[in-house]
Every structure is written in C-alpha cells, then in structure tokens.
N, C-alpha and C. Protein backbone atom coordinates (compact mmCIF):
# COMPACT_ATOMS: atom_id res chain seq x y z
N MET A 1 -29.92 145.91 173.59
CA MET A 1 -29.23 144.91 174.35
C MET A 1 -29.66 145.01 175.80
N ALA A 2 -30.00 143.92 176.38
CA ALA A 2 -30.36 143.91 177.79
C ALA A 2 -29.13 143.60 178.63
N ILE A 3 -28.93 144.38 179.66
CA ILE A 3 -27.84 144.12 180.59
C ILE A 3 -28.27 142.96 181.47
N PRO A 4 -27.43 141.94 181.63
CA PRO A 4 -27.82 140.79 182.45
C PRO A 4 -28.31 141.22 183.83
N GLY A 5 -29.45 140.68 184.23
CA GLY A 5 -30.00 140.96 185.55
C GLY A 5 -30.82 142.22 185.65
N THR A 6 -31.06 142.91 184.52
CA THR A 6 -31.81 144.17 184.59
C THR A 6 -33.07 144.14 183.74
N GLU A 7 -33.49 142.97 183.34
CA GLU A 7 -34.67 142.86 182.49
C GLU A 7 -35.85 143.60 183.11
N GLY A 8 -36.43 144.51 182.34
CA GLY A 8 -37.60 145.26 182.78
C GLY A 8 -37.28 146.49 183.60
N ALA A 9 -36.02 146.69 183.99
CA ALA A 9 -35.65 147.86 184.80
C ALA A 9 -35.26 149.01 183.89
N GLU A 10 -35.67 150.19 184.25
CA GLU A 10 -35.31 151.40 183.51
C GLU A 10 -34.17 152.10 184.24
N PRO A 11 -33.08 152.43 183.54
CA PRO A 11 -32.01 153.21 184.19
C PRO A 11 -32.53 154.60 184.55
N HIS A 12 -32.02 155.16 185.63
CA HIS A 12 -32.41 156.50 186.06
C HIS A 12 -31.19 157.40 186.03
N PHE A 13 -31.30 158.49 185.27
CA PHE A 13 -30.21 159.44 185.13
C PHE A 13 -30.71 160.83 185.49
N PHE A 14 -29.84 161.59 186.12
CA PHE A 14 -30.18 162.96 186.48
C PHE A 14 -29.34 163.98 185.73
N ALA A 15 -28.34 163.52 184.98
CA ALA A 15 -27.47 164.43 184.26
C ALA A 15 -26.95 163.74 183.00
N PRO A 16 -26.68 164.48 181.95
CA PRO A 16 -26.19 163.87 180.71
C PRO A 16 -24.90 163.06 180.89
N TRP A 17 -24.00 163.50 181.79
CA TRP A 17 -22.75 162.77 181.97
C TRP A 17 -23.00 161.37 182.51
N GLN A 18 -24.07 161.20 183.28
CA GLN A 18 -24.39 159.87 183.81
C GLN A 18 -24.81 158.94 182.68
N VAL A 19 -25.59 159.45 181.74
CA VAL A 19 -25.99 158.66 180.57
C VAL A 19 -24.76 158.26 179.77
N LYS A 20 -23.85 159.21 179.59
CA LYS A 20 -22.64 158.94 178.80
C LYS A 20 -21.76 157.90 179.48
N ALA A 21 -21.63 157.99 180.80
CA ALA A 21 -20.84 157.00 181.53
C ALA A 21 -21.45 155.61 181.38
N PHE A 22 -22.76 155.54 181.49
CA PHE A 22 -23.47 154.27 181.32
C PHE A 22 -23.27 153.73 179.91
N ALA A 23 -23.49 154.59 178.92
CA ALA A 23 -23.39 154.16 177.52
C ALA A 23 -21.96 153.74 177.16
N LEU A 24 -20.97 154.45 177.67
CA LEU A 24 -19.58 154.09 177.40
C LEU A 24 -19.27 152.70 177.95
N THR A 25 -19.72 152.43 179.15
CA THR A 25 -19.47 151.13 179.77
C THR A 25 -20.14 150.02 178.96
N VAL A 26 -21.37 150.23 178.57
CA VAL A 26 -22.08 149.22 177.77
C VAL A 26 -21.38 149.02 176.43
N ALA A 27 -20.95 150.11 175.79
CA ALA A 27 -20.27 150.00 174.49
C ALA A 27 -18.95 149.23 174.62
N LEU A 28 -18.19 149.50 175.67
CA LEU A 28 -16.93 148.77 175.87
C LEU A 28 -17.19 147.29 176.13
N HIS A 29 -18.24 147.00 176.89
CA HIS A 29 -18.63 145.61 177.11
C HIS A 29 -19.03 144.94 175.80
N GLU A 30 -19.87 145.62 175.01
CA GLU A 30 -20.31 145.06 173.73
C GLU A 30 -19.15 144.87 172.76
N ALA A 31 -18.11 145.68 172.90
CA ALA A 31 -16.92 145.55 172.05
C ALA A 31 -16.04 144.38 172.50
N GLY A 32 -16.41 143.74 173.59
CA GLY A 32 -15.68 142.57 174.05
C GLY A 32 -14.48 142.87 174.93
N LEU A 33 -14.39 144.10 175.44
CA LEU A 33 -13.23 144.46 176.26
C LEU A 33 -13.30 143.88 177.66
N PHE A 34 -14.50 143.57 178.12
CA PHE A 34 -14.65 142.91 179.42
C PHE A 34 -16.02 142.25 179.48
N ALA A 35 -16.10 141.24 180.32
CA ALA A 35 -17.38 140.55 180.55
C ALA A 35 -18.19 141.36 181.55
N TRP A 36 -19.51 141.21 181.47
CA TRP A 36 -20.36 141.97 182.39
C TRP A 36 -20.11 141.56 183.83
N THR A 37 -19.74 140.31 184.06
CA THR A 37 -19.42 139.88 185.43
C THR A 37 -18.17 140.59 185.95
N GLU A 38 -17.19 140.84 185.07
CA GLU A 38 -16.00 141.59 185.46
C GLU A 38 -16.40 143.02 185.85
N TRP A 39 -17.29 143.60 185.05
CA TRP A 39 -17.76 144.95 185.34
C TRP A 39 -18.46 145.00 186.69
N ALA A 40 -19.34 144.04 186.93
CA ALA A 40 -20.09 144.01 188.18
C ALA A 40 -19.14 143.88 189.38
N GLU A 41 -18.11 143.08 189.23
CA GLU A 41 -17.12 142.93 190.30
C GLU A 41 -16.37 144.24 190.55
N ALA A 42 -15.98 144.92 189.47
CA ALA A 42 -15.27 146.20 189.61
C ALA A 42 -16.15 147.25 190.29
N LEU A 43 -17.41 147.32 189.89
CA LEU A 43 -18.33 148.29 190.50
C LEU A 43 -18.58 147.95 191.96
N SER A 44 -18.77 146.68 192.25
CA SER A 44 -18.98 146.26 193.64
C SER A 44 -17.78 146.58 194.51
N ALA A 45 -16.58 146.36 193.97
CA ALA A 45 -15.37 146.67 194.72
C ALA A 45 -15.26 148.16 194.99
N ARG A 46 -15.66 148.98 194.03
CA ARG A 46 -15.57 150.43 194.18
C ARG A 46 -16.59 150.93 195.20
N ILE A 47 -17.81 150.43 195.10
CA ILE A 47 -18.88 150.89 196.00
C ILE A 47 -18.68 150.35 197.40
N GLY A 48 -18.29 149.08 197.50
CA GLY A 48 -18.08 148.46 198.80
C GLY A 48 -19.37 148.38 199.59
N GLY A 49 -19.26 148.26 200.88
CA GLY A 49 -20.43 148.14 201.73
C GLY A 49 -20.79 149.42 202.44
N ALA A 50 -20.33 150.56 201.91
CA ALA A 50 -20.59 151.83 202.58
C ALA A 50 -22.08 152.12 202.64
N PRO A 51 -22.57 152.48 203.80
CA PRO A 51 -24.00 152.83 203.91
C PRO A 51 -24.29 154.15 203.21
N LEU A 52 -25.48 154.26 202.69
CA LEU A 52 -25.89 155.51 202.05
C LEU A 52 -26.36 156.50 203.10
N PRO A 53 -25.97 157.76 202.94
CA PRO A 53 -26.48 158.78 203.86
C PRO A 53 -28.01 158.82 203.80
N GLN A 54 -28.62 158.99 204.93
CA GLN A 54 -30.08 158.95 205.02
C GLN A 54 -30.76 160.16 204.41
N ARG A 55 -30.07 161.28 204.29
CA ARG A 55 -30.70 162.51 203.82
C ARG A 55 -30.42 162.81 202.37
N ASP A 56 -29.84 161.87 201.66
CA ASP A 56 -29.56 162.07 200.24
C ASP A 56 -30.85 162.17 199.44
N THR A 57 -30.84 163.06 198.47
CA THR A 57 -31.93 163.09 197.50
C THR A 57 -31.62 162.02 196.46
N PRO A 58 -32.59 161.60 195.67
CA PRO A 58 -32.28 160.66 194.59
C PRO A 58 -31.19 161.18 193.65
N GLU A 59 -31.17 162.49 193.41
CA GLU A 59 -30.14 163.07 192.54
C GLU A 59 -28.75 162.96 193.18
N ASP A 60 -28.66 163.23 194.49
CA ASP A 60 -27.38 163.09 195.20
C ASP A 60 -26.89 161.64 195.14
N HIS A 61 -27.81 160.72 195.35
CA HIS A 61 -27.47 159.30 195.31
C HIS A 61 -26.96 158.93 193.92
N ALA A 62 -27.64 159.38 192.88
CA ALA A 62 -27.22 159.07 191.51
C ALA A 62 -25.86 159.67 191.21
N THR A 63 -25.61 160.87 191.67
CA THR A 63 -24.30 161.50 191.43
C THR A 63 -23.20 160.66 192.07
N ARG A 64 -23.37 160.28 193.32
CA ARG A 64 -22.37 159.46 194.01
C ARG A 64 -22.20 158.11 193.30
N TYR A 65 -23.32 157.51 192.90
CA TYR A 65 -23.29 156.21 192.23
C TYR A 65 -22.51 156.29 190.91
N TYR A 66 -22.79 157.30 190.11
CA TYR A 66 -22.11 157.37 188.81
C TYR A 66 -20.66 157.85 188.93
N LEU A 67 -20.31 158.56 189.99
CA LEU A 67 -18.90 158.83 190.24
C LEU A 67 -18.18 157.52 190.57
N ASP A 68 -18.82 156.67 191.38
CA ASP A 68 -18.26 155.34 191.64
C ASP A 68 -18.23 154.51 190.36
N TRP A 69 -19.25 154.65 189.54
CA TRP A 69 -19.33 153.95 188.26
C TRP A 69 -18.10 154.28 187.40
N LEU A 70 -17.82 155.59 187.27
CA LEU A 70 -16.66 156.02 186.49
C LEU A 70 -15.35 155.53 187.11
N GLY A 71 -15.27 155.59 188.43
CA GLY A 71 -14.08 155.09 189.10
C GLY A 71 -13.88 153.60 188.85
N ALA A 72 -14.96 152.85 188.88
CA ALA A 72 -14.87 151.41 188.62
C ALA A 72 -14.45 151.14 187.18
N LEU A 73 -14.95 151.94 186.25
CA LEU A 73 -14.55 151.77 184.85
C LEU A 73 -13.06 152.07 184.69
N GLU A 74 -12.60 153.13 185.32
CA GLU A 74 -11.17 153.44 185.27
C GLU A 74 -10.35 152.29 185.87
N ASP A 75 -10.79 151.77 187.02
CA ASP A 75 -10.09 150.66 187.67
C ASP A 75 -10.02 149.45 186.75
N LEU A 76 -11.14 149.12 186.12
CA LEU A 76 -11.20 147.94 185.26
C LEU A 76 -10.32 148.12 184.02
N LEU A 77 -10.39 149.27 183.39
CA LEU A 77 -9.56 149.51 182.21
C LEU A 77 -8.08 149.47 182.55
N ALA A 78 -7.71 150.01 183.70
CA ALA A 78 -6.31 149.98 184.13
C ALA A 78 -5.87 148.56 184.44
N ALA A 79 -6.72 147.79 185.13
CA ALA A 79 -6.38 146.41 185.49
C ALA A 79 -6.20 145.54 184.26
N LYS A 80 -6.94 145.83 183.21
CA LYS A 80 -6.85 145.05 181.98
C LYS A 80 -5.78 145.59 181.03
N GLY A 81 -5.10 146.65 181.44
CA GLY A 81 -4.04 147.24 180.62
C GLY A 81 -4.57 147.99 179.41
N LEU A 82 -5.82 148.42 179.46
CA LEU A 82 -6.43 149.13 178.34
C LEU A 82 -6.26 150.64 178.44
N ALA A 83 -6.03 151.13 179.63
CA ALA A 83 -5.81 152.56 179.83
C ALA A 83 -5.05 152.74 181.13
N GLU A 84 -3.95 153.45 181.08
CA GLU A 84 -3.16 153.71 182.27
C GLU A 84 -3.78 154.84 183.07
N ALA A 85 -3.63 154.75 184.39
CA ALA A 85 -4.21 155.77 185.27
C ALA A 85 -3.72 157.17 184.92
N ASP A 86 -2.44 157.31 184.59
CA ASP A 86 -1.92 158.63 184.22
C ASP A 86 -2.59 159.17 182.96
N MET A 87 -2.81 158.30 181.99
CA MET A 87 -3.46 158.71 180.75
C MET A 87 -4.90 159.16 181.03
N ILE A 88 -5.60 158.40 181.85
CA ILE A 88 -6.97 158.76 182.21
C ILE A 88 -6.98 160.12 182.91
N GLY A 89 -6.05 160.32 183.84
CA GLY A 89 -5.97 161.59 184.56
C GLY A 89 -5.68 162.75 183.62
N ASP A 90 -4.74 162.55 182.68
CA ASP A 90 -4.42 163.60 181.72
C ASP A 90 -5.63 163.94 180.84
N MET A 91 -6.35 162.92 180.42
CA MET A 91 -7.53 163.15 179.58
C MET A 91 -8.62 163.88 180.37
N ALA A 92 -8.77 163.53 181.65
CA ALA A 92 -9.76 164.21 182.49
C ALA A 92 -9.42 165.69 182.64
N LEU A 93 -8.13 165.99 182.84
CA LEU A 93 -7.72 167.39 182.96
C LEU A 93 -7.97 168.15 181.65
N THR A 94 -7.68 167.51 180.53
CA THR A 94 -7.93 168.14 179.23
C THR A 94 -9.42 168.44 179.08
N TRP A 95 -10.25 167.47 179.45
CA TRP A 95 -11.70 167.66 179.36
C TRP A 95 -12.16 168.80 180.25
N GLN A 96 -11.61 168.88 181.46
CA GLN A 96 -11.99 169.95 182.38
C GLN A 96 -11.58 171.33 181.84
N ARG A 97 -10.38 171.41 181.26
CA ARG A 97 -9.95 172.69 180.66
C ARG A 97 -10.88 173.07 179.50
N ALA A 98 -11.23 172.08 178.69
CA ALA A 98 -12.12 172.34 177.56
C ALA A 98 -13.49 172.81 178.05
N ALA A 99 -13.99 172.18 179.11
CA ALA A 99 -15.30 172.57 179.65
C ALA A 99 -15.27 174.00 180.18
N ARG A 100 -14.19 174.37 180.87
CA ARG A 100 -14.08 175.73 181.40
C ARG A 100 -13.96 176.77 180.29
N ALA A 101 -13.38 176.39 179.16
CA ALA A 101 -13.17 177.32 178.05
C ALA A 101 -14.38 177.42 177.12
N THR A 102 -15.39 176.63 177.37
CA THR A 102 -16.55 176.58 176.48
C THR A 102 -17.69 177.42 177.03
N PRO A 103 -18.22 178.32 176.23
CA PRO A 103 -19.37 179.10 176.69
C PRO A 103 -20.56 178.19 177.01
N HIS A 104 -21.29 178.56 178.04
CA HIS A 104 -22.46 177.79 178.46
C HIS A 104 -23.43 177.59 177.30
N GLY A 105 -23.92 176.38 177.17
CA GLY A 105 -24.92 176.08 176.14
C GLY A 105 -24.34 175.66 174.81
N THR A 106 -23.03 175.65 174.68
CA THR A 106 -22.41 175.19 173.43
C THR A 106 -21.69 173.87 173.69
N PRO A 107 -21.57 173.04 172.67
CA PRO A 107 -20.90 171.75 172.86
C PRO A 107 -19.43 171.92 173.24
N ILE A 108 -18.97 171.06 174.12
CA ILE A 108 -17.56 171.07 174.52
C ILE A 108 -16.75 170.35 173.46
N VAL A 109 -15.66 170.98 173.05
CA VAL A 109 -14.75 170.37 172.07
C VAL A 109 -13.49 169.97 172.84
N TYR A 110 -13.25 168.67 172.94
CA TYR A 110 -12.13 168.14 173.71
C TYR A 110 -10.81 168.81 173.35
N GLU A 111 -10.56 169.02 172.08
CA GLU A 111 -9.29 169.58 171.64
C GLU A 111 -9.03 170.97 172.19
N THR A 112 -10.08 171.68 172.56
CA THR A 112 -9.93 173.02 173.13
C THR A 112 -9.12 172.98 174.43
N GLY A 113 -9.19 171.87 175.14
CA GLY A 113 -8.51 171.76 176.42
C GLY A 113 -7.08 171.29 176.35
N GLN A 114 -6.61 170.98 175.16
CA GLN A 114 -5.23 170.51 175.03
C GLN A 114 -4.26 171.68 175.17
N GLU A 115 -3.17 171.42 175.86
CA GLU A 115 -2.17 172.48 176.07
C GLU A 115 -1.19 172.49 174.94
C-alpha cells in the first residue's frame, strides 16, 4: 500500500520501535479507523512549526520525529474515542515494566509488566 504523497519515497528508521510505530499507524488507517488526511493533520498539529536543532544527527531527528509520531497517534485515537489517554498511559507503564524485567536480547512479553 502506498501512503498518499509518498510515492517513490523510502521510510528511514533508526530503531525497531520506529518501524513498529509506523506500521501500527498504517495498519490502523487500513482498518478504517481514520483517514490519512486526519492522520496528517494530527501529526502536523503535534510537530507544529518548531525549528529543528542545527546539530541534530539524522538519528536524533528520527527519534524526535517518531516520538511526535506516537504522540500524534495517541492524540488522534483519543480524539476519536478509540483509546483514552489514561488507558494509553497505563499500557505504556506496563510495557516499560515488562521491558525492564526482560533480559537483554530476548523478546519483551507485555504480560510480564502487569501488576
């Protein structure tokens, strides 16, 4: 599936979580939960007109971009009543606990972080 306006462009990722954030957004769009124009508006609102620091590496820029990407996805899902901010926060904390409890190099199991 081609994302509107990106024909011929290759996405650039520096970390697996960035790929997952991108893929999740595309999957939710393909499932009909929001139009791509809605997504673009949410991302634009999150990023705003803030100038980029001049000394950022491409990896630093991508990290900041995909953190904004995730924030925009959270904003959009909350605005559409698909996920409440508290629920997203609770799930993020569970994921963080699971990540801390997982030995390096092994897959993270979400349920490990549940209290």
